[in-house]
Amino acid sequence: MKPSTTPTTIPAAAFISATAMTSNLKSSATPNPVAIVVDDLDATKQRIKAAGIETFDHANDDPGHRFYFRDGDDIEFEVVSYA
């Protein structure tokens, strides 16, 4: 079977429990957030809040608008949209 060459969009929620991807962040004294770029920032924020996860904002720096949240392992995620 030949692998698909069609691009796949991964939903932001897939990154919430990405333990393998973020496990090394815990060892850093001041880690940067894991960044996720989305097309619809408001819809993504609503889905994350609906899952019971608290979001917080920093100043909107150009370019883009963003918000942040922490997962159960206290890893900070930055969700940003350039749309």
PDB file of N, CA and C in Angstrom:
ATOM      1  N   MET A   1       0.839  -1.164   0.000  1.00  0.00           N
ATOM      2  CA  MET A   1       0.000   0.000   0.000  1.00  0.00           C
ATOM      3  C   MET A   1       0.889   1.233   0.000  1.00  0.00           C
ATOM      4  N   LYS A   2       0.595   2.168  -0.873  1.00  0.00           N
ATOM      5  CA  LYS A   2       1.362   3.390  -1.003  1.00  0.00           C
ATOM      6  C   LYS A   2       0.875   4.425   0.020  1.00  0.00           C
ATOM      7  N   PRO A   3       1.806   5.095   0.736  1.00  0.00           N
ATOM      8  CA  PRO A   3       1.379   6.107   1.705  1.00  0.00           C
ATOM      9  C   PRO A   3       0.701   7.290   1.022  1.00  0.00           C
ATOM     10  N   SER A   4      -0.211   7.908   1.716  1.00  0.00           N
ATOM     11  CA  SER A   4      -0.929   9.065   1.200  1.00  0.00           C
ATOM     12  C   SER A   4      -0.009  10.275   1.138  1.00  0.00           C
ATOM     13  N   THR A   5      -0.159  11.062   0.101  1.00  0.00           N
ATOM     14  CA  THR A   5       0.612  12.302  -0.013  1.00  0.00           C
ATOM     15  C   THR A   5      -0.265  13.516   0.247  1.00  0.00           C
ATOM     16  N   THR A   6      -1.507  13.268   0.673  1.00  0.00           N
ATOM     17  CA  THR A   6      -2.431  14.349   0.975  1.00  0.00           C
ATOM     18  C   THR A   6      -2.068  14.963   2.326  1.00  0.00           C
ATOM     19  N   PRO A   7      -1.913  16.302   2.405  1.00  0.00           N
ATOM     20  CA  PRO A   7      -1.609  16.925   3.699  1.00  0.00           C
ATOM     21  C   PRO A   7      -2.726  16.674   4.698  1.00  0.00           C
ATOM     22  N   THR A   8      -2.353  16.510   5.939  1.00  0.00           N
ATOM     23  CA  THR A   8      -3.307  16.266   7.003  1.00  0.00           C
ATOM     24  C   THR A   8      -3.260  17.417   7.994  1.00  0.00           C
ATOM     25  N   THR A   9      -4.413  17.924   8.376  1.00  0.00           N
ATOM     26  CA  THR A   9      -4.495  18.958   9.395  1.00  0.00           C
ATOM     27  C   THR A   9      -4.672  18.277  10.737  1.00  0.00           C
ATOM     28  N   ILE A  10      -3.842  18.628  11.681  1.00  0.00           N
ATOM     29  CA  ILE A  10      -3.919  18.051  13.018  1.00  0.00           C
ATOM     30  C   ILE A  10      -4.632  19.046  13.921  1.00  0.00           C
ATOM     31  N   PRO A  11      -5.740  18.642  14.559  1.00  0.00           N
ATOM     32  CA  PRO A  11      -6.460  19.570  15.427  1.00  0.00           C
ATOM     33  C   PRO A  11      -5.616  19.986  16.630  1.00  0.00           C
ATOM     34  N   ALA A  12      -5.821  21.211  17.082  1.00  0.00           N
ATOM     35  CA  ALA A  12      -5.058  21.725  18.219  1.00  0.00           C
ATOM     36  C   ALA A  12      -5.201  20.827  19.435  1.00  0.00           C
ATOM     37  N   ALA A  13      -6.370  20.227  19.631  1.00  0.00           N
ATOM     38  CA  ALA A  13      -6.590  19.368  20.798  1.00  0.00           C
ATOM     39  C   ALA A  13      -5.648  18.173  20.811  1.00  0.00           C
ATOM     40  N   ALA A  14      -5.131  17.775  19.657  1.00  0.00           N
ATOM     41  CA  ALA A  14      -4.203  16.644  19.599  1.00  0.00           C
ATOM     42  C   ALA A  14      -2.920  16.958  20.342  1.00  0.00           C
ATOM     43  N   PHE A  15      -2.590  18.225  20.491  1.00  0.00           N
ATOM     44  CA  PHE A  15      -1.353  18.603  21.155  1.00  0.00           C
ATOM     45  C   PHE A  15      -1.489  18.727  22.660  1.00  0.00           C
ATOM     46  N   ILE A  16      -2.701  18.725  23.163  1.00  0.00           N
ATOM     47  CA  ILE A  16      -2.900  18.922  24.595  1.00  0.00           C
ATOM     48  C   ILE A  16      -2.220  17.827  25.409  1.00  0.00           C
ATOM     49  N   SER A  17      -2.268  16.588  24.931  1.00  0.00           N
ATOM     50  CA  SER A  17      -1.654  15.498  25.680  1.00  0.00           C
ATOM     51  C   SER A  17      -0.437  14.943  24.956  1.00  0.00           C
ATOM     52  N   ALA A  18       0.298  15.791  24.291  1.00  0.00           N
ATOM     53  CA  ALA A  18       1.460  15.349  23.532  1.00  0.00           C
ATOM     54  C   ALA A  18       2.652  15.179  24.465  1.00  0.00           C
ATOM     55  N   THR A  19       2.577  14.188  25.351  1.00  0.00           N
ATOM     56  CA  THR A  19       3.599  13.980  26.369  1.00  0.00           C
ATOM     57  C   THR A  19       4.973  13.746  25.762  1.00  0.00           C
ATOM     58  N   ALA A  20       5.044  12.931  24.727  1.00  0.00           N
ATOM     59  CA  ALA A  20       6.342  12.643  24.125  1.00  0.00           C
ATOM     60  C   ALA A  20       6.980  13.907  23.573  1.00  0.00           C
ATOM     61  N   MET A  21       6.169  14.774  23.015  1.00  0.00           N
ATOM     62  CA  MET A  21       6.680  15.995  22.404  1.00  0.00           C
ATOM     63  C   MET A  21       7.147  16.994  23.458  1.00  0.00           C
ATOM     64  N   THR A  22       6.549  16.993  24.622  1.00  0.00           N
ATOM     65  CA  THR A  22       6.827  18.028  25.616  1.00  0.00           C
ATOM     66  C   THR A  22       7.607  17.532  26.820  1.00  0.00           C
ATOM     67  N   SER A  23       7.932  16.257  26.901  1.00  0.00           N
ATOM     68  CA  SER A  23       8.550  15.735  28.113  1.00  0.00           C
ATOM     69  C   SER A  23       9.892  16.399  28.419  1.00  0.00           C
ATOM     70  N   ASN A  24      10.642  16.807  27.420  1.00  0.00           N
ATOM     71  CA  ASN A  24      11.927  17.454  27.660  1.00  0.00           C
ATOM     72  C   ASN A  24      11.780  18.889  28.128  1.00  0.00           C
ATOM     73  N   LEU A  25      10.615  19.501  27.970  1.00  0.00           N
ATOM     74  CA  LEU A  25      10.423  20.877  28.392  1.00  0.00           C
ATOM     75  C   LEU A  25      10.491  21.025  29.900  1.00  0.00           C
ATOM     76  N   LYS A  26      10.141  19.972  30.625  1.00  0.00           N
ATOM     77  CA  LYS A  26      10.129  20.047  32.077  1.00  0.00           C
ATOM     78  C   LYS A  26      11.522  20.273  32.650  1.00  0.00           C
ATOM     79  N   SER A  27      12.558  19.866  31.925  1.00  0.00           N
ATOM     80  CA  SER A  27      13.907  19.986  32.451  1.00  0.00           C
ATOM     81  C   SER A  27      14.491  21.381  32.278  1.00  0.00           C
ATOM     82  N   SER A  28      13.864  22.215  31.504  1.00  0.00           N
ATOM     83  CA  SER A  28      14.350  23.566  31.269  1.00  0.00           C
ATOM     84  C   SER A  28      13.849  24.505  32.363  1.00  0.00           C
ATOM     85  N   ALA A  29      14.705  25.438  32.797  1.00  0.00           N
ATOM     86  CA  ALA A  29      14.323  26.360  33.865  1.00  0.00           C
ATOM     87  C   ALA A  29      13.221  27.313  33.415  1.00  0.00           C
ATOM     88  N   THR A  30      13.300  27.830  32.207  1.00  0.00           N
ATOM     89  CA  THR A  30      12.282  28.749  31.689  1.00  0.00           C
ATOM     90  C   THR A  30      11.937  28.361  30.257  1.00  0.00           C
ATOM     91  N   PRO A  31      11.158  27.323  30.100  1.00  0.00           N
ATOM     92  CA  PRO A  31      10.861  26.849  28.744  1.00  0.00           C
ATOM     93  C   PRO A  31       9.933  27.801  27.996  1.00  0.00           C
ATOM     94  N   ASN A  32      10.075  27.824  26.701  1.00  0.00           N
ATOM     95  CA  ASN A  32       9.139  28.549  25.860  1.00  0.00           C
ATOM     96  C   ASN A  32       7.890  27.698  25.691  1.00  0.00           C
ATOM     97  N   PRO A  33       6.745  28.323  25.410  1.00  0.00           N
ATOM     98  CA  PRO A  33       5.537  27.528  25.194  1.00  0.00           C
ATOM     99  C   PRO A  33       5.625  26.745  23.895  1.00  0.00           C
ATOM    100  N   VAL A  34       4.846  25.687  23.822  1.00  0.00           N
ATOM    101  CA  VAL A  34       4.681  24.938  22.587  1.00  0.00           C
ATOM    102  C   VAL A  34       3.676  25.732  21.764  1.00  0.00           C
ATOM    103  N   ALA A  35       4.049  26.134  20.553  1.00  0.00           N
ATOM    104  CA  ALA A  35       3.187  26.989  19.740  1.00  0.00           C
ATOM    105  C   ALA A  35       2.347  26.163  18.776  1.00  0.00           C
ATOM    106  N   ILE A  36       1.086  26.543  18.658  1.00  0.00           N
ATOM    107  CA  ILE A  36       0.140  25.910  17.738  1.00  0.00           C
ATOM    108  C   ILE A  36      -0.491  27.020  16.914  1.00  0.00           C
ATOM    109  N   VAL A  37      -0.398  26.932  15.588  1.00  0.00           N
ATOM    110  CA  VAL A  37      -0.987  27.928  14.708  1.00  0.00           C
ATOM    111  C   VAL A  37      -2.326  27.397  14.212  1.00  0.00           C
ATOM    112  N   VAL A  38      -3.375  28.209  14.348  1.00  0.00           N
ATOM    113  CA  VAL A  38      -4.728  27.829  13.928  1.00  0.00           C
ATOM    114  C   VAL A  38      -5.310  28.912  13.032  1.00  0.00           C
ATOM    115  N   ASP A  39      -6.313  28.552  12.253  1.00  0.00           N
ATOM    116  CA  ASP A  39      -6.997  29.527  11.410  1.00  0.00           C
ATOM    117  C   ASP A  39      -8.050  30.312  12.185  1.00  0.00           C
ATOM    118  N   ASP A  40      -8.783  29.636  13.064  1.00  0.00           N
ATOM    119  CA  ASP A  40      -9.896  30.273  13.789  1.00  0.00           C
ATOM    120  C   ASP A  40      -9.586  30.278  15.284  1.00  0.00           C
ATOM    121  N   LEU A  41      -8.993  31.372  15.743  1.00  0.00           N
ATOM    122  CA  LEU A  41      -8.558  31.477  17.128  1.00  0.00           C
ATOM    123  C   LEU A  41      -9.728  31.398  18.106  1.00  0.00           C
ATOM    124  N   ASP A  42     -10.830  32.109  17.805  1.00  0.00           N
ATOM    125  CA  ASP A  42     -11.974  32.121  18.714  1.00  0.00           C
ATOM    126  C   ASP A  42     -12.601  30.742  18.874  1.00  0.00           C
ATOM    127  N   ALA A  43     -12.772  30.015  17.779  1.00  0.00           N
ATOM    128  CA  ALA A  43     -13.363  28.672  17.845  1.00  0.00           C
ATOM    129  C   ALA A  43     -12.455  27.718  18.614  1.00  0.00           C
ATOM    130  N   THR A  44     -11.158  27.834  18.417  1.00  0.00           N
ATOM    131  CA  THR A  44     -10.215  26.972  19.126  1.00  0.00           C
ATOM    132  C   THR A  44     -10.254  27.265  20.621  1.00  0.00           C
ATOM    133  N   LYS A  45     -10.311  28.548  20.977  1.00  0.00           N
ATOM    134  CA  LYS A  45     -10.371  28.924  22.391  1.00  0.00           C
ATOM    135  C   LYS A  45     -11.653  28.404  23.035  1.00  0.00           C
ATOM    136  N   GLN A  46     -12.764  28.479  22.315  1.00  0.00           N
ATOM    137  CA  GLN A  46     -14.035  27.962  22.840  1.00  0.00           C
ATOM    138  C   GLN A  46     -13.957  26.455  23.077  1.00  0.00           C
ATOM    139  N   ARG A  47     -13.348  25.712  22.146  1.00  0.00           N
ATOM    140  CA  ARG A  47     -13.228  24.253  22.310  1.00  0.00           C
ATOM    141  C   ARG A  47     -12.351  23.904  23.508  1.00  0.00           C
ATOM    142  N   ILE A  48     -11.272  24.634  23.692  1.00  0.00           N
ATOM    143  CA  ILE A  48     -10.377  24.355  24.817  1.00  0.00           C
ATOM    144  C   ILE A  48     -11.074  24.676  26.134  1.00  0.00           C
ATOM    145  N   LYS A  49     -11.784  25.804  26.199  1.00  0.00           N
ATOM    146  CA  LYS A  49     -12.528  26.153  27.412  1.00  0.00           C
ATOM    147  C   LYS A  49     -13.647  25.149  27.686  1.00  0.00           C
ATOM    148  N   ALA A  50     -14.308  24.663  26.637  1.00  0.00           N
ATOM    149  CA  ALA A  50     -15.378  23.674  26.797  1.00  0.00           C
ATOM    150  C   ALA A  50     -14.843  22.370  27.376  1.00  0.00           C
ATOM    151  N   ALA A  51     -13.557  22.111  27.168  1.00  0.00           N
ATOM    152  CA  ALA A  51     -12.925  20.909  27.733  1.00  0.00           C
ATOM    153  C   ALA A  51     -12.520  21.128  29.190  1.00  0.00           C
ATOM    154  N   GLY A  52     -12.839  22.315  29.742  1.00  0.00           N
ATOM    155  CA  GLY A  52     -12.544  22.592  31.142  1.00  0.00           C
ATOM    156  C   GLY A  52     -11.143  23.121  31.386  1.00  0.00           C
ATOM    157  N   ILE A  53     -10.477  23.571  30.356  1.00  0.00           N
ATOM    158  CA  ILE A  53      -9.108  24.075  30.482  1.00  0.00           C
ATOM    159  C   ILE A  53      -9.151  25.593  30.529  1.00  0.00           C
ATOM    160  N   GLU A  54      -8.509  26.165  31.528  1.00  0.00           N
ATOM    161  CA  GLU A  54      -8.473  27.616  31.687  1.00  0.00           C
ATOM    162  C   GLU A  54      -7.484  28.221  30.697  1.00  0.00           C
ATOM    163  N   THR A  55      -7.893  29.277  30.039  1.00  0.00           N
ATOM    164  CA  THR A  55      -7.007  29.976  29.118  1.00  0.00           C
ATOM    165  C   THR A  55      -6.616  31.316  29.723  1.00  0.00           C
ATOM    166  N   PHE A  56      -5.503  31.845  29.260  1.00  0.00           N
ATOM    167  CA  PHE A  56      -5.081  33.170  29.706  1.00  0.00           C
ATOM    168  C   PHE A  56      -4.418  33.875  28.536  1.00  0.00           C
ATOM    169  N   ASP A  57      -4.400  35.189  28.617  1.00  0.00           N
ATOM    170  CA  ASP A  57      -3.897  35.999  27.517  1.00  0.00           C
ATOM    171  C   ASP A  57      -2.693  36.809  27.960  1.00  0.00           C
ATOM    172  N   HIS A  58      -1.820  37.033  27.010  1.00  0.00           N
ATOM    173  CA  HIS A  58      -0.756  38.021  27.147  1.00  0.00           C
ATOM    174  C   HIS A  58      -1.127  39.130  26.174  1.00  0.00           C
ATOM    175  N   ALA A  59      -0.366  40.172  26.133  1.00  0.00           N
ATOM    176  CA  ALA A  59      -0.619  41.231  25.161  1.00  0.00           C
ATOM    177  C   ALA A  59      -0.545  40.643  23.753  1.00  0.00           C
ATOM    178  N   ASN A  60      -1.414  41.096  22.872  1.00  0.00           N
ATOM    179  CA  ASN A  60      -1.370  40.638  21.485  1.00  0.00           C
ATOM    180  C   ASN A  60      -0.224  41.333  20.769  1.00  0.00           C
ATOM    181  N   ASP A  61       0.812  40.577  20.501  1.00  0.00           N
ATOM    182  CA  ASP A  61       1.970  41.103  19.798  1.00  0.00           C
ATOM    183  C   ASP A  61       1.798  40.862  18.316  1.00  0.00           C
ATOM    184  N   ASP A  62       2.176  41.841  17.526  1.00  0.00           N
ATOM    185  CA  ASP A  62       2.153  41.645  16.078  1.00  0.00           C
ATOM    186  C   ASP A  62       3.334  40.781  15.688  1.00  0.00           C
ATOM    187  N   PRO A  63       3.220  39.919  14.767  1.00  0.00           N
ATOM    188  CA  PRO A  63       1.998  39.634  14.024  1.00  0.00           C
ATOM    189  C   PRO A  63       1.149  38.598  14.755  1.00  0.00           C
ATOM    190  N   GLY A  64      -0.107  38.619  14.494  1.00  0.00           N
ATOM    191  CA  GLY A  64      -1.027  37.604  15.003  1.00  0.00           C
ATOM    192  C   GLY A  64      -1.648  37.937  16.337  1.00  0.00           C
ATOM    193  N   HIS A  65      -2.673  37.148  16.657  1.00  0.00           N
ATOM    194  CA  HIS A  65      -3.349  37.217  17.944  1.00  0.00           C
ATOM    195  C   HIS A  65      -3.206  35.857  18.590  1.00  0.00           C
ATOM    196  N   ARG A  66      -3.182  35.818  19.909  1.00  0.00           N
ATOM    197  CA  ARG A  66      -2.869  34.563  20.587  1.00  0.00           C
ATOM    198  C   ARG A  66      -3.503  34.468  21.964  1.00  0.00           C
ATOM    199  N   PHE A  67      -3.544  33.247  22.479  1.00  0.00           N
ATOM    200  CA  PHE A  67      -3.884  32.997  23.874  1.00  0.00           C
ATOM    201  C   PHE A  67      -3.060  31.801  24.321  1.00  0.00           C
ATOM    202  N   TYR A  68      -3.082  31.532  25.607  1.00  0.00           N
ATOM    203  CA  TYR A  68      -2.254  30.478  26.181  1.00  0.00           C
ATOM    204  C   TYR A  68      -3.098  29.590  27.084  1.00  0.00           C
ATOM    205  N   PHE A  69      -2.607  28.382  27.319  1.00  0.00           N
ATOM    206  CA  PHE A  69      -3.189  27.491  28.318  1.00  0.00           C
ATOM    207  C   PHE A  69      -2.111  26.537  28.782  1.00  0.00           C
ATOM    208  N   ARG A  70      -2.344  25.890  29.910  1.00  0.00           N
ATOM    209  CA  ARG A  70      -1.418  24.888  30.447  1.00  0.00           C
ATOM    210  C   ARG A  70      -2.131  23.545  30.484  1.00  0.00           C
ATOM    211  N   ASP A  71      -1.374  22.493  30.170  1.00  0.00           N
ATOM    212  CA  ASP A  71      -1.955  21.158  30.227  1.00  0.00           C
ATOM    213  C   ASP A  71      -1.806  20.588  31.637  1.00  0.00           C
ATOM    214  N   GLY A  72      -2.198  19.327  31.824  1.00  0.00           N
ATOM    215  CA  GLY A  72      -2.139  18.683  33.128  1.00  0.00           C
ATOM    216  C   GLY A  72      -0.736  18.523  33.682  1.00  0.00           C
ATOM    217  N   ASP A  73       0.276  18.610  32.816  1.00  0.00           N
ATOM    218  CA  ASP A  73       1.676  18.530  33.247  1.00  0.00           C
ATOM    219  C   ASP A  73       2.296  19.912  33.423  1.00  0.00           C
ATOM    220  N   ASP A  74       1.470  20.956  33.398  1.00  0.00           N
ATOM    221  CA  ASP A  74       1.892  22.337  33.561  1.00  0.00           C
ATOM    222  C   ASP A  74       2.772  22.834  32.403  1.00  0.00           C
ATOM    223  N   ILE A  75       2.590  22.234  31.228  1.00  0.00           N
ATOM    224  CA  ILE A  75       3.279  22.691  30.029  1.00  0.00           C
ATOM    225  C   ILE A  75       2.440  23.810  29.417  1.00  0.00           C
ATOM    226  N   GLU A  76       3.086  24.934  29.106  1.00  0.00           N
ATOM    227  CA  GLU A  76       2.368  26.064  28.529  1.00  0.00           C
ATOM    228  C   GLU A  76       2.291  25.937  27.008  1.00  0.00           C
ATOM    229  N   PHE A  77       1.093  26.146  26.479  1.00  0.00           N
ATOM    230  CA  PHE A  77       0.846  26.125  25.039  1.00  0.00           C
ATOM    231  C   PHE A  77       0.430  27.523  24.603  1.00  0.00           C
ATOM    232  N   GLU A  78       0.939  27.951  23.474  1.00  0.00           N
ATOM    233  CA  GLU A  78       0.560  29.215  22.855  1.00  0.00           C
ATOM    234  C   GLU A  78      -0.238  28.884  21.595  1.00  0.00           C
ATOM    235  N   VAL A  79      -1.436  29.417  21.501  1.00  0.00           N
ATOM    236  CA  VAL A  79      -2.268  29.208  20.314  1.00  0.00           C
ATOM    237  C   VAL A  79      -2.340  30.554  19.600  1.00  0.00           C
ATOM    238  N   VAL A  80      -1.915  30.582  18.325  1.00  0.00           N
ATOM    239  CA  VAL A  80      -1.803  31.846  17.598  1.00  0.00           C
ATOM    240  C   VAL A  80      -2.470  31.743  16.243  1.00  0.00           C
ATOM    241  N   SER A  81      -3.033  32.848  15.789  1.00  0.00           N
ATOM    242  CA  SER A  81      -3.628  32.923  14.461  1.00  0.00           C
ATOM    243  C   SER A  81      -3.079  34.144  13.762  1.00  0.00           C
ATOM    244  N   TYR A  82      -2.686  33.961  12.508  1.00  0.00           N
ATOM    245  CA  TYR A  82      -2.214  35.064  11.678  1.00  0.00           C
ATOM    246  C   TYR A  82      -3.279  35.473  10.677  1.00  0.00           C
ATOM    247  N   ALA A  83      -4.483  34.886  10.800  1.00  0.00           N
ATOM    248  CA  ALA A  83      -5.571  35.181   9.870  1.00  0.00           C
ATOM    249  C   ALA A  83      -6.159  36.547  10.104  1.00  0.00           C
TER     250      ALA A  83
END
